[in-house]
Structures are given as C-alpha cells and as structure tokens.
Amino acid sequence: RRSSDLLGVTSAINWENIMPYLRSQPQLSELVRLLEKANLDTVLETPGGIYTIFAPTNAAFSKISYMPQIENNPELLQRVLQYHVMDSAFISLFMTNERT
C-alpha cells in the first residue's frame, strides 16, 4: 500500500469528536460512508473520545475488488473498519514510511 493511500488521523483533546474532520476531507468520503453504514460513526462522535484512525483514502478503497462483499456483511464490515481505529492517541514519531 502506498503511503498516499492511508492517512493517520488523531483526534485532539480539544476536538468534540473526530467525525466532523473526517467528513470535511473529500479523499475520506468512502471511509465516512462505510463508518456510517457500520454505525461506527456514533462511537467516534462520543464527546471526549480520543482515537487514532488509520484512514484509507478513497483511492485505497477503489483498489479492493472484494469491497462489495465486505460492505454487504455488516459484522465483517465492522471488524474490518475496527482494524483502522485505535482508542488512544498514536504519535506519528513511531510510524515509518517503510514497507514490510
């Protein structure tokens, strides 16, 4: 995966919630749609919640040929999206741009 296909987004302590930021980013509209479909947007809208989201861009989602099967299975969709959410702040200092 190219680094341009994934954005790391951390909710700051002074944000009410992270969803308004995600909704304001055109390249994350598919992620927002899927979070809403999986009812995970309500979790991310929790006041005071601090999350780090490893946010696949629309370009990343477009490369997944089996996305319709994931999207049509509510439990699987929630599990896949939850792999992209941490319930804490993650400092980018610990991230690298290397592929493994």
PDB file of N, CA and C in Angstrom:
ATOM      1  N   ARG A   1       0.850  -1.169   0.000  1.00  0.00           N
ATOM      2  CA  ARG A   1       0.000   0.000   0.000  1.00  0.00           C
ATOM      3  C   ARG A   1       0.894   1.230   0.000  1.00  0.00           C
ATOM      4  N   ARG A   2       0.614   2.144  -0.887  1.00  0.00           N
ATOM      5  CA  ARG A   2       1.363   3.409  -0.914  1.00  0.00           C
ATOM      6  C   ARG A   2       0.929   4.278   0.254  1.00  0.00           C
ATOM      7  N   SER A   3       1.860   5.057   0.776  1.00  0.00           N
ATOM      8  CA  SER A   3       1.524   5.906   1.922  1.00  0.00           C
ATOM      9  C   SER A   3       0.449   6.923   1.577  1.00  0.00           C
ATOM     10  N   SER A   4       0.308   7.286   0.314  1.00  0.00           N
ATOM     11  CA  SER A   4      -0.723   8.250  -0.064  1.00  0.00           C
ATOM     12  C   SER A   4      -2.119   7.640  -0.018  1.00  0.00           C
ATOM     13  N   ASP A   5      -2.196   6.308   0.152  1.00  0.00           N
ATOM     14  CA  ASP A   5      -3.488   5.644   0.250  1.00  0.00           C
ATOM     15  C   ASP A   5      -3.989   5.530   1.686  1.00  0.00           C
ATOM     16  N   LEU A   6      -3.193   6.016   2.637  1.00  0.00           N
ATOM     17  CA  LEU A   6      -3.560   5.895   4.032  1.00  0.00           C
ATOM     18  C   LEU A   6      -3.185   7.173   4.768  1.00  0.00           C
ATOM     19  N   LEU A   7      -4.141   7.725   5.492  1.00  0.00           N
ATOM     20  CA  LEU A   7      -3.887   8.910   6.301  1.00  0.00           C
ATOM     21  C   LEU A   7      -4.016   8.532   7.762  1.00  0.00           C
ATOM     22  N   GLY A   8      -3.098   8.983   8.588  1.00  0.00           N
ATOM     23  CA  GLY A   8      -3.227   8.800  10.027  1.00  0.00           C
ATOM     24  C   GLY A   8      -3.880  10.040  10.605  1.00  0.00           C
ATOM     25  N   VAL A   9      -4.995   9.867  11.269  1.00  0.00           N
ATOM     26  CA  VAL A   9      -5.743  10.993  11.824  1.00  0.00           C
ATOM     27  C   VAL A   9      -5.940  10.728  13.312  1.00  0.00           C
ATOM     28  N   THR A  10      -5.508  11.650  14.142  1.00  0.00           N
ATOM     29  CA  THR A  10      -5.674  11.512  15.589  1.00  0.00           C
ATOM     30  C   THR A  10      -6.585  12.620  16.084  1.00  0.00           C
ATOM     31  N   SER A  11      -7.590  12.234  16.876  1.00  0.00           N
ATOM     32  CA  SER A  11      -8.460  13.255  17.460  1.00  0.00           C
ATOM     33  C   SER A  11      -7.682  13.971  18.551  1.00  0.00           C
ATOM     34  N   ALA A  12      -7.724  15.260  18.510  1.00  0.00           N
ATOM     35  CA  ALA A  12      -7.031  16.066  19.522  1.00  0.00           C
ATOM     36  C   ALA A  12      -7.912  16.198  20.752  1.00  0.00           C
ATOM     37  N   ILE A  13      -7.311  16.468  21.873  1.00  0.00           N
ATOM     38  CA  ILE A  13      -8.051  16.556  23.128  1.00  0.00           C
ATOM     39  C   ILE A  13      -9.138  17.623  23.067  1.00  0.00           C
ATOM     40  N   ASN A  14      -8.907  18.699  22.323  1.00  0.00           N
ATOM     41  CA  ASN A  14      -9.891  19.785  22.298  1.00  0.00           C
ATOM     42  C   ASN A  14     -10.968  19.593  21.223  1.00  0.00           C
ATOM     43  N   TRP A  15     -10.917  18.513  20.456  1.00  0.00           N
ATOM     44  CA  TRP A  15     -11.970  18.254  19.467  1.00  0.00           C
ATOM     45  C   TRP A  15     -13.174  17.657  20.183  1.00  0.00           C
ATOM     46  N   GLU A  16     -14.355  18.088  19.785  1.00  0.00           N
ATOM     47  CA  GLU A  16     -15.584  17.466  20.302  1.00  0.00           C
ATOM     48  C   GLU A  16     -15.606  15.994  19.896  1.00  0.00           C
ATOM     49  N   ASN A  17     -15.342  15.746  18.626  1.00  0.00           N
ATOM     50  CA  ASN A  17     -15.191  14.386  18.112  1.00  0.00           C
ATOM     51  C   ASN A  17     -14.482  14.464  16.766  1.00  0.00           C
ATOM     52  N   ILE A  18     -14.084  13.340  16.240  1.00  0.00           N
ATOM     53  CA  ILE A  18     -13.260  13.310  15.036  1.00  0.00           C
ATOM     54  C   ILE A  18     -14.080  13.280  13.741  1.00  0.00           C
ATOM     55  N   MET A  19     -15.361  12.948  13.828  1.00  0.00           N
ATOM     56  CA  MET A  19     -16.176  12.798  12.627  1.00  0.00           C
ATOM     57  C   MET A  19     -16.296  14.071  11.788  1.00  0.00           C
ATOM     58  N   PRO A  20     -16.462  15.259  12.366  1.00  0.00           N
ATOM     59  CA  PRO A  20     -16.529  16.452  11.520  1.00  0.00           C
ATOM     60  C   PRO A  20     -15.275  16.624  10.659  1.00  0.00           C
ATOM     61  N   TYR A  21     -14.115  16.317  11.240  1.00  0.00           N
ATOM     62  CA  TYR A  21     -12.879  16.409  10.448  1.00  0.00           C
ATOM     63  C   TYR A  21     -12.903  15.399   9.307  1.00  0.00           C
ATOM     64  N   LEU A  22     -13.250  14.159   9.597  1.00  0.00           N
ATOM     65  CA  LEU A  22     -13.295  13.144   8.539  1.00  0.00           C
ATOM     66  C   LEU A  22     -14.271  13.551   7.433  1.00  0.00           C
ATOM     67  N   ARG A  23     -15.422  14.079   7.841  1.00  0.00           N
ATOM     68  CA  ARG A  23     -16.427  14.496   6.859  1.00  0.00           C
ATOM     69  C   ARG A  23     -15.952  15.678   6.015  1.00  0.00           C
ATOM     70  N   SER A  24     -15.017  16.450   6.522  1.00  0.00           N
ATOM     71  CA  SER A  24     -14.540  17.620   5.779  1.00  0.00           C
ATOM     72  C   SER A  24     -13.453  17.279   4.756  1.00  0.00           C
ATOM     73  N   GLN A  25     -13.003  16.039   4.747  1.00  0.00           N
ATOM     74  CA  GLN A  25     -11.922  15.622   3.860  1.00  0.00           C
ATOM     75  C   GLN A  25     -12.483  14.839   2.676  1.00  0.00           C
ATOM     76  N   PRO A  26     -12.510  15.428   1.479  1.00  0.00           N
ATOM     77  CA  PRO A  26     -13.091  14.746   0.318  1.00  0.00           C
ATOM     78  C   PRO A  26     -12.461  13.382   0.037  1.00  0.00           C
ATOM     79  N   GLN A  27     -11.160  13.230   0.291  1.00  0.00           N
ATOM     80  CA  GLN A  27     -10.486  11.971  -0.010  1.00  0.00           C
ATOM     81  C   GLN A  27     -10.847  10.860   0.983  1.00  0.00           C
ATOM     82  N   LEU A  28     -11.640  11.190   2.016  1.00  0.00           N
ATOM     83  CA  LEU A  28     -12.065  10.201   3.007  1.00  0.00           C
ATOM     84  C   LEU A  28     -13.569   9.943   2.964  1.00  0.00           C
ATOM     85  N   SER A  29     -14.233  10.376   1.912  1.00  0.00           N
ATOM     86  CA  SER A  29     -15.693  10.244   1.850  1.00  0.00           C
ATOM     87  C   SER A  29     -16.156   8.790   1.858  1.00  0.00           C
ATOM     88  N   GLU A  30     -15.406   7.900   1.266  1.00  0.00           N
ATOM     89  CA  GLU A  30     -15.786   6.477   1.266  1.00  0.00           C
ATOM     90  C   GLU A  30     -15.645   5.901   2.683  1.00  0.00           C
ATOM     91  N   LEU A  31     -14.609   6.272   3.387  1.00  0.00           N
ATOM     92  CA  LEU A  31     -14.445   5.831   4.774  1.00  0.00           C
ATOM     93  C   LEU A  31     -15.616   6.329   5.618  1.00  0.00           C
ATOM     94  N   VAL A  32     -15.971   7.582   5.476  1.00  0.00           N
ATOM     95  CA  VAL A  32     -17.089   8.152   6.235  1.00  0.00           C
ATOM     96  C   VAL A  32     -18.373   7.388   5.921  1.00  0.00           C
ATOM     97  N   ARG A  33     -18.613   7.130   4.654  1.00  0.00           N
ATOM     98  CA  ARG A  33     -19.828   6.405   4.261  1.00  0.00           C
ATOM     99  C   ARG A  33     -19.872   5.023   4.915  1.00  0.00           C
ATOM    100  N   LEU A  34     -18.734   4.333   4.909  1.00  0.00           N
ATOM    101  CA  LEU A  34     -18.678   2.997   5.490  1.00  0.00           C
ATOM    102  C   LEU A  34     -18.783   3.025   7.015  1.00  0.00           C
ATOM    103  N   LEU A  35     -18.149   4.016   7.654  1.00  0.00           N
ATOM    104  CA  LEU A  35     -18.295   4.157   9.103  1.00  0.00           C
ATOM    105  C   LEU A  35     -19.751   4.384   9.475  1.00  0.00           C
ATOM    106  N   GLU A  36     -20.447   5.206   8.704  1.00  0.00           N
ATOM    107  CA  GLU A  36     -21.864   5.457   8.956  1.00  0.00           C
ATOM    108  C   GLU A  36     -22.688   4.200   8.715  1.00  0.00           C
ATOM    109  N   LYS A  37     -22.388   3.474   7.649  1.00  0.00           N
ATOM    110  CA  LYS A  37     -23.121   2.236   7.346  1.00  0.00           C
ATOM    111  C   LYS A  37     -22.943   1.212   8.457  1.00  0.00           C
ATOM    112  N   ALA A  38     -21.747   1.161   9.043  1.00  0.00           N
ATOM    113  CA  ALA A  38     -21.455   0.204  10.118  1.00  0.00           C
ATOM    114  C   ALA A  38     -21.837   0.742  11.496  1.00  0.00           C
ATOM    115  N   ASN A  39     -22.422   1.931  11.548  1.00  0.00           N
ATOM    116  CA  ASN A  39     -22.808   2.591  12.800  1.00  0.00           C
ATOM    117  C   ASN A  39     -21.620   2.838  13.727  1.00  0.00           C
ATOM    118  N   LEU A  40     -20.444   2.960  13.165  1.00  0.00           N
ATOM    119  CA  LEU A  40     -19.268   3.271  13.962  1.00  0.00           C
ATOM    120  C   LEU A  40     -19.060   4.772  14.101  1.00  0.00           C
ATOM    121  N   ASP A  41     -19.755   5.545  13.294  1.00  0.00           N
ATOM    122  CA  ASP A  41     -19.645   6.998  13.413  1.00  0.00           C
ATOM    123  C   ASP A  41     -20.135   7.469  14.779  1.00  0.00           C
ATOM    124  N   THR A  42     -21.136   6.798  15.334  1.00  0.00           N
ATOM    125  CA  THR A  42     -21.651   7.205  16.640  1.00  0.00           C
ATOM    126  C   THR A  42     -20.609   6.999  17.735  1.00  0.00           C
ATOM    127  N   VAL A  43     -19.790   5.957  17.608  1.00  0.00           N
ATOM    128  CA  VAL A  43     -18.714   5.733  18.577  1.00  0.00           C
ATOM    129  C   VAL A  43     -17.691   6.859  18.471  1.00  0.00           C
ATOM    130  N   LEU A  44     -17.324   7.210  17.241  1.00  0.00           N
ATOM    131  CA  LEU A  44     -16.322   8.245  17.030  1.00  0.00           C
ATOM    132  C   LEU A  44     -16.840   9.636  17.365  1.00  0.00           C
ATOM    133  N   GLU A  45     -18.143   9.780  17.491  1.00  0.00           N
ATOM    134  CA  GLU A  45     -18.748  11.067  17.861  1.00  0.00           C
ATOM    135  C   GLU A  45     -18.882  11.238  19.366  1.00  0.00           C
ATOM    136  N   THR A  46     -18.450  10.262  20.127  1.00  0.00           N
ATOM    137  CA  THR A  46     -18.537  10.331  21.579  1.00  0.00           C
ATOM    138  C   THR A  46     -17.692  11.490  22.099  1.00  0.00           C
ATOM    139  N   PRO A  47     -18.305  12.432  22.806  1.00  0.00           N
ATOM    140  CA  PRO A  47     -17.530  13.561  23.342  1.00  0.00           C
ATOM    141  C   PRO A  47     -16.401  13.081  24.257  1.00  0.00           C
ATOM    142  N   GLY A  48     -15.245  13.657  24.054  1.00  0.00           N
ATOM    143  CA  GLY A  48     -14.095  13.325  24.882  1.00  0.00           C
ATOM    144  C   GLY A  48     -13.334  12.093  24.452  1.00  0.00           C
ATOM    145  N   GLY A  49     -13.853  11.378  23.471  1.00  0.00           N
ATOM    146  CA  GLY A  49     -13.153  10.190  22.997  1.00  0.00           C
ATOM    147  C   GLY A  49     -11.905  10.579  22.227  1.00  0.00           C
ATOM    148  N   ILE A  50     -10.828   9.874  22.478  1.00  0.00           N
ATOM    149  CA  ILE A  50      -9.588  10.135  21.758  1.00  0.00           C
ATOM    150  C   ILE A  50      -9.275   8.899  20.931  1.00  0.00           C
ATOM    151  N   TYR A  51      -9.188   9.084  19.628  1.00  0.00           N
ATOM    152  CA  TYR A  51      -8.975   7.975  18.712  1.00  0.00           C
ATOM    153  C   TYR A  51      -7.890   8.320  17.710  1.00  0.00           C
ATOM    154  N   THR A  52      -7.211   7.303  17.257  1.00  0.00           N
ATOM    155  CA  THR A  52      -6.344   7.427  16.096  1.00  0.00           C
ATOM    156  C   THR A  52      -6.958   6.549  15.020  1.00  0.00           C
ATOM    157  N   ILE A  53      -7.122   7.129  13.847  1.00  0.00           N
ATOM    158  CA  ILE A  53      -7.702   6.387  12.736  1.00  0.00           C
ATOM    159  C   ILE A  53      -6.663   6.289  11.632  1.00  0.00           C
ATOM    160  N   PHE A  54      -6.376   5.082  11.241  1.00  0.00           N
ATOM    161  CA  PHE A  54      -5.536   4.851  10.078  1.00  0.00           C
ATOM    162  C   PHE A  54      -6.513   4.790   8.915  1.00  0.00           C
ATOM    163  N   ALA A  55      -6.697   5.943   8.286  1.00  0.00           N
ATOM    164  CA  ALA A  55      -7.816   6.183   7.387  1.00  0.00           C
ATOM    165  C   ALA A  55      -7.473   5.862   5.938  1.00  0.00           C
ATOM    166  N   PRO A  56      -8.028   4.773   5.407  1.00  0.00           N
ATOM    167  CA  PRO A  56      -7.835   4.506   3.981  1.00  0.00           C
ATOM    168  C   PRO A  56      -8.529   5.591   3.156  1.00  0.00           C
ATOM    169  N   THR A  57      -7.853   6.058   2.146  1.00  0.00           N
ATOM    170  CA  THR A  57      -8.441   7.067   1.269  1.00  0.00           C
ATOM    171  C   THR A  57      -9.388   6.408   0.275  1.00  0.00           C
ATOM    172  N   ASN A  58     -10.117   7.236  -0.449  1.00  0.00           N
ATOM    173  CA  ASN A  58     -10.988   6.719  -1.498  1.00  0.00           C
ATOM    174  C   ASN A  58     -10.188   5.900  -2.510  1.00  0.00           C
ATOM    175  N   ALA A  59      -8.966   6.335  -2.806  1.00  0.00           N
ATOM    176  CA  ALA A  59      -8.108   5.602  -3.756  1.00  0.00           C
ATOM    177  C   ALA A  59      -7.803   4.203  -3.238  1.00  0.00           C
ATOM    178  N   ALA A  60      -7.562   4.080  -1.947  1.00  0.00           N
ATOM    179  CA  ALA A  60      -7.279   2.760  -1.371  1.00  0.00           C
ATOM    180  C   ALA A  60      -8.501   1.854  -1.468  1.00  0.00           C
ATOM    181  N   PHE A  61      -9.669   2.384  -1.122  1.00  0.00           N
ATOM    182  CA  PHE A  61     -10.883   1.573  -1.204  1.00  0.00           C
ATOM    183  C   PHE A  61     -11.165   1.136  -2.644  1.00  0.00           C
ATOM    184  N   SER A  62     -10.857   1.985  -3.603  1.00  0.00           N
ATOM    185  CA  SER A  62     -11.140   1.639  -5.007  1.00  0.00           C
ATOM    186  C   SER A  62     -10.285   0.472  -5.500  1.00  0.00           C
ATOM    187  N   LYS A  63      -9.201   0.157  -4.799  1.00  0.00           N
ATOM    188  CA  LYS A  63      -8.313  -0.936  -5.197  1.00  0.00           C
ATOM    189  C   LYS A  63      -8.730  -2.287  -4.611  1.00  0.00           C
ATOM    190  N   ILE A  64      -9.742  -2.294  -3.766  1.00  0.00           N
ATOM    191  CA  ILE A  64     -10.184  -3.537  -3.129  1.00  0.00           C
ATOM    192  C   ILE A  64     -11.331  -4.121  -3.945  1.00  0.00           C
ATOM    193  N   SER A  65     -11.014  -5.137  -4.729  1.00  0.00           N
ATOM    194  CA  SER A  65     -12.007  -5.710  -5.645  1.00  0.00           C
ATOM    195  C   SER A  65     -13.154  -6.407  -4.903  1.00  0.00           C
ATOM    196  N   TYR A  66     -12.922  -6.889  -3.712  1.00  0.00           N
ATOM    197  CA  TYR A  66     -13.937  -7.614  -2.949  1.00  0.00           C
ATOM    198  C   TYR A  66     -14.660  -6.725  -1.929  1.00  0.00           C
ATOM    199  N   MET A  67     -14.537  -5.413  -2.066  1.00  0.00           N
ATOM    200  CA  MET A  67     -15.183  -4.492  -1.137  1.00  0.00           C
ATOM    201  C   MET A  67     -16.698  -4.677  -1.072  1.00  0.00           C
ATOM    202  N   PRO A  68     -17.397  -4.946  -2.185  1.00  0.00           N
ATOM    203  CA  PRO A  68     -18.851  -5.155  -2.078  1.00  0.00           C
ATOM    204  C   PRO A  68     -19.223  -6.308  -1.143  1.00  0.00           C
ATOM    205  N   GLN A  69     -18.439  -7.379  -1.139  1.00  0.00           N
ATOM    206  CA  GLN A  69     -18.724  -8.497  -0.240  1.00  0.00           C
ATOM    207  C   GLN A  69     -18.539  -8.083   1.218  1.00  0.00           C
ATOM    208  N   ILE A  70     -17.508  -7.294   1.493  1.00  0.00           N
ATOM    209  CA  ILE A  70     -17.289  -6.803   2.858  1.00  0.00           C
ATOM    210  C   ILE A  70     -18.419  -5.870   3.252  1.00  0.00           C
ATOM    211  N   GLU A  71     -18.754  -4.967   2.367  1.00  0.00           N
ATOM    212  CA  GLU A  71     -19.778  -3.964   2.673  1.00  0.00           C
ATOM    213  C   GLU A  71     -21.148  -4.589   2.909  1.00  0.00           C
ATOM    214  N   ASN A  72     -21.444  -5.679   2.241  1.00  0.00           N
ATOM    215  CA  ASN A  72     -22.749  -6.323   2.372  1.00  0.00           C
ATOM    216  C   ASN A  72     -22.841  -7.281   3.547  1.00  0.00           C
ATOM    217  N   ASN A  73     -21.774  -7.391   4.321  1.00  0.00           N
ATOM    218  CA  ASN A  73     -21.763  -8.239   5.510  1.00  0.00           C
ATOM    219  C   ASN A  73     -21.507  -7.312   6.711  1.00  0.00           C
ATOM    220  N   PRO A  74     -22.572  -6.900   7.424  1.00  0.00           N
ATOM    221  CA  PRO A  74     -22.415  -5.901   8.487  1.00  0.00           C
ATOM    222  C   PRO A  74     -21.375  -6.249   9.548  1.00  0.00           C
ATOM    223  N   GLU A  75     -21.341  -7.494   9.988  1.00  0.00           N
ATOM    224  CA  GLU A  75     -20.355  -7.883  11.014  1.00  0.00           C
ATOM    225  C   GLU A  75     -18.938  -7.788  10.477  1.00  0.00           C
ATOM    226  N   LEU A  76     -18.728  -8.263   9.268  1.00  0.00           N
ATOM    227  CA  LEU A  76     -17.402  -8.205   8.663  1.00  0.00           C
ATOM    228  C   LEU A  76     -16.975  -6.760   8.430  1.00  0.00           C
ATOM    229  N   LEU A  77     -17.895  -5.925   7.964  1.00  0.00           N
ATOM    230  CA  LEU A  77     -17.581  -4.516   7.737  1.00  0.00           C
ATOM    231  C   LEU A  77     -17.132  -3.853   9.043  1.00  0.00           C
ATOM    232  N   GLN A  78     -17.845  -4.100  10.124  1.00  0.00           N
ATOM    233  CA  GLN A  78     -17.445  -3.523  11.412  1.00  0.00           C
ATOM    234  C   GLN A  78     -16.060  -4.007  11.824  1.00  0.00           C
ATOM    235  N   ARG A  79     -15.802  -5.301  11.678  1.00  0.00           N
ATOM    236  CA  ARG A  79     -14.489  -5.841  12.069  1.00  0.00           C
ATOM    237  C   ARG A  79     -13.369  -5.233  11.248  1.00  0.00           C
ATOM    238  N   VAL A  80     -13.573  -5.121   9.942  1.00  0.00           N
ATOM    239  CA  VAL A  80     -12.536  -4.557   9.074  1.00  0.00           C
ATOM    240  C   VAL A  80     -12.267  -3.103   9.445  1.00  0.00           C
ATOM    241  N   LEU A  81     -13.321  -2.323   9.648  1.00  0.00           N
ATOM    242  CA  LEU A  81     -13.139  -0.914   9.996  1.00  0.00           C
ATOM    243  C   LEU A  81     -12.497  -0.747  11.368  1.00  0.00           C
ATOM    244  N   GLN A  82     -12.804  -1.634  12.291  1.00  0.00           N
ATOM    245  CA  GLN A  82     -12.224  -1.528  13.629  1.00  0.00           C
ATOM    246  C   GLN A  82     -10.718  -1.770  13.623  1.00  0.00           C
ATOM    247  N   TYR A  83     -10.200  -2.459  12.624  1.00  0.00           N
ATOM    248  CA  TYR A  83      -8.749  -2.618  12.498  1.00  0.00           C
ATOM    249  C   TYR A  83      -8.063  -1.277  12.241  1.00  0.00           C
ATOM    250  N   HIS A  84      -8.808  -0.293  11.800  1.00  0.00           N
ATOM    251  CA  HIS A  84      -8.254   1.009  11.449  1.00  0.00           C
ATOM    252  C   HIS A  84      -8.427   2.057  12.550  1.00  0.00           C
ATOM    253  N   VAL A  85      -8.984   1.655  13.693  1.00  0.00           N
ATOM    254  CA  VAL A  85      -9.256   2.608  14.770  1.00  0.00           C
ATOM    255  C   VAL A  85      -8.572   2.145  16.056  1.00  0.00           C
ATOM    256  N   MET A  86      -7.819   3.055  16.651  1.00  0.00           N
ATOM    257  CA  MET A  86      -7.234   2.820  17.978  1.00  0.00           C
ATOM    258  C   MET A  86      -7.930   3.751  18.954  1.00  0.00           C
ATOM    259  N   ASP A  87      -8.196   3.268  20.151  1.00  0.00           N
ATOM    260  CA  ASP A  87      -8.889   4.109  21.131  1.00  0.00           C
ATOM    261  C   ASP A  87      -7.901   4.872  22.002  1.00  0.00           C
ATOM    262  N   SER A  88      -6.895   5.432  21.360  1.00  0.00           N
ATOM    263  CA  SER A  88      -5.920   6.278  22.051  1.00  0.00           C
ATOM    264  C   SER A  88      -5.195   7.112  21.005  1.00  0.00           C
ATOM    265  N   ALA A  89      -4.443   8.078  21.477  1.00  0.00           N
ATOM    266  CA  ALA A  89      -3.643   8.890  20.558  1.00  0.00           C
ATOM    267  C   ALA A  89      -2.393   8.112  20.201  1.00  0.00           C
ATOM    268  N   PHE A  90      -2.028   8.141  18.951  1.00  0.00           N
ATOM    269  CA  PHE A  90      -0.833   7.453  18.464  1.00  0.00           C
ATOM    270  C   PHE A  90       0.075   8.516  17.888  1.00  0.00           C
ATOM    271  N   ILE A  91       1.259   8.614  18.387  1.00  0.00           N
ATOM    272  CA  ILE A  91       2.174   9.661  17.972  1.00  0.00           C
ATOM    273  C   ILE A  91       2.904   9.244  16.694  1.00  0.00           C
ATOM    274  N   SER A  92       2.889  10.114  15.703  1.00  0.00           N
ATOM    275  CA  SER A  92       3.467   9.775  14.403  1.00  0.00           C
ATOM    276  C   SER A  92       4.971   9.555  14.454  1.00  0.00           C
ATOM    277  N   LEU A  93       5.614   9.944  15.523  1.00  0.00           N
ATOM    278  CA  LEU A  93       7.045   9.710  15.683  1.00  0.00           C
ATOM    279  C   LEU A  93       7.371   8.220  15.573  1.00  0.00           C
ATOM    280  N   PHE A  94       6.418   7.380  15.988  1.00  0.00           N
ATOM    281  CA  PHE A  94       6.634   5.939  15.991  1.00  0.00           C
ATOM    282  C   PHE A  94       6.286   5.279  14.662  1.00  0.00           C
ATOM    283  N   MET A  95       5.822   6.047  13.708  1.00  0.00           N
ATOM    284  CA  MET A  95       5.444   5.494  12.413  1.00  0.00           C
ATOM    285  C   MET A  95       6.579   5.704  11.418  1.00  0.00           C
ATOM    286  N   THR A  96       6.709   4.758  10.516  1.00  0.00           N
ATOM    287  CA  THR A  96       7.714   4.896   9.463  1.00  0.00           C
ATOM    288  C   THR A  96       7.029   4.768   8.136  1.00  0.00           C
ATOM    289  N   ASN A  97       7.731   5.102   7.090  1.00  0.00           N
ATOM    290  CA  ASN A  97       7.203   5.023   5.729  1.00  0.00           C
ATOM    291  C   ASN A  97       7.783   3.800   5.013  1.00  0.00           C
ATOM    292  N   GLU A  98       8.227   2.811   5.769  1.00  0.00           N
ATOM    293  CA  GLU A  98       8.838   1.617   5.199  1.00  0.00           C
ATOM    294  C   GLU A  98       7.789   0.568   4.960  1.00  0.00           C
ATOM    295  N   ARG A  99       8.007  -0.243   3.956  1.00  0.00           N
ATOM    296  CA  ARG A  99       7.126  -1.380   3.697  1.00  0.00           C
ATOM    297  C   ARG A  99       7.760  -2.624   4.297  1.00  0.00           C
ATOM    298  N   THR A 100       6.917  -3.504   4.805  1.00  0.00           N
ATOM    299  CA  THR A 100       7.432  -4.757   5.371  1.00  0.00           C
ATOM    300  C   THR A 100       6.954  -5.926   4.569  1.00  0.00           C
TER     301      THR A 100
END
